[in-house]
Amino acid sequence: MGSLVVRNINDEVVTALKVLAGKHGISAEAEHRKILESALLGPKKKSFTEVLKLIPNVGKDSDFERIEDIRTVDVFD
């Protein structure tokens, strides 16, 4: 397993990392690993086609038919 050293980090970032780690009950190093893994190896985004395939096949086509408005407006009245 590799190692990574990150230098010249803003003090506010280091403090925020330590605070977040404290909230999760883990070390700052473990929190840093978690953030890197999530950012770089996180869930792959689904394509539009994959998302469409997740939509359940419910109803009939007639349920989604457009109803034409038979009212007409005469702009010269």
Protein backbone atom coordinates (compact mmCIF):
# COMPACT_ATOMS: atom_id res chain seq x y z
CA MET A 1 0.00 0.00 0.00
CA GLY A 2 1.32 3.44 -0.92
CA SER A 3 1.91 6.47 1.23
CA LEU A 4 1.11 10.07 0.51
CA VAL A 5 2.53 13.22 2.08
CA VAL A 6 0.71 16.47 1.47
CA ARG A 7 2.65 19.63 2.26
CA ASN A 8 1.70 23.30 2.56
CA ILE A 9 -1.91 22.77 3.57
CA ASN A 10 -3.74 25.84 4.81
CA ASP A 11 -4.18 25.74 8.60
CA GLU A 12 -7.94 26.20 8.23
CA VAL A 13 -8.11 23.06 6.08
CA VAL A 14 -6.11 21.08 8.63
CA THR A 15 -8.38 22.28 11.43
CA ALA A 16 -11.51 21.44 9.44
CA LEU A 17 -10.12 17.97 8.73
CA LYS A 18 -9.42 17.37 12.42
CA VAL A 19 -12.88 18.60 13.42
CA LEU A 20 -14.54 16.34 10.86
CA ALA A 21 -12.41 13.40 11.97
CA GLY A 22 -13.39 14.08 15.58
CA LYS A 23 -17.08 14.05 14.64
CA HIS A 24 -16.59 10.65 13.01
CA GLY A 25 -14.46 9.34 15.87
CA ILE A 26 -11.45 8.62 13.67
CA SER A 27 -7.98 10.06 13.19
CA ALA A 28 -7.31 12.95 10.84
CA GLU A 29 -5.27 10.57 8.71
CA ALA A 30 -8.17 8.11 8.47
CA GLU A 31 -10.53 10.96 7.61
CA HIS A 32 -8.12 12.13 4.93
CA ARG A 33 -8.06 8.62 3.44
CA LYS A 34 -11.85 8.47 3.52
CA ILE A 35 -12.17 11.82 1.72
CA LEU A 36 -9.64 10.85 -0.94
CA GLU A 37 -11.28 7.46 -1.53
CA SER A 38 -14.71 9.04 -1.80
CA ALA A 39 -13.54 11.77 -4.18
CA LEU A 40 -11.46 9.52 -6.41
CA LEU A 41 -13.10 6.12 -6.18
CA GLY A 42 -16.64 7.07 -5.21
CA PRO A 43 -19.71 5.70 -6.90
CA LYS A 44 -19.58 5.85 -10.67
CA LYS A 45 -22.18 8.17 -12.14
CA LYS A 46 -24.91 6.45 -14.10
CA SER A 47 -25.49 7.27 -17.74
CA PHE A 48 -28.80 8.77 -18.85
CA THR A 49 -29.73 5.42 -20.38
CA GLU A 50 -29.05 3.61 -17.09
CA VAL A 51 -31.21 6.11 -15.20
CA LEU A 52 -34.05 5.69 -17.69
CA LYS A 53 -33.90 1.92 -17.23
CA LEU A 54 -34.48 2.42 -13.49
CA ILE A 55 -37.88 4.03 -14.09
CA PRO A 56 -40.57 1.46 -13.29
CA ASN A 57 -42.82 0.30 -16.12
CA VAL A 58 -46.21 1.34 -14.74
CA GLY A 59 -49.42 2.58 -16.28
CA LYS A 60 -50.61 2.50 -19.85
CA ASP A 61 -49.59 4.81 -22.66
CA SER A 62 -53.11 6.24 -22.63
CA ASP A 63 -52.51 7.44 -19.05
CA PHE A 64 -49.96 9.86 -20.44
CA GLU A 65 -51.79 11.08 -23.53
CA ARG A 66 -51.99 14.82 -23.96
CA ILE A 67 -55.50 16.24 -23.69
CA GLU A 68 -56.03 19.00 -26.21
CA ASP A 69 -57.75 22.10 -24.94
CA ILE A 70 -60.79 22.62 -27.17
CA ARG A 71 -61.37 26.17 -25.95
CA THR A 72 -60.38 28.84 -28.42
CA VAL A 73 -59.59 32.43 -27.67
CA ASP A 74 -60.54 35.16 -30.09
CA VAL A 75 -58.07 37.96 -29.63
CA PHE A 76 -60.30 40.42 -31.51
CA ASP A 77 -63.31 40.30 -29.13
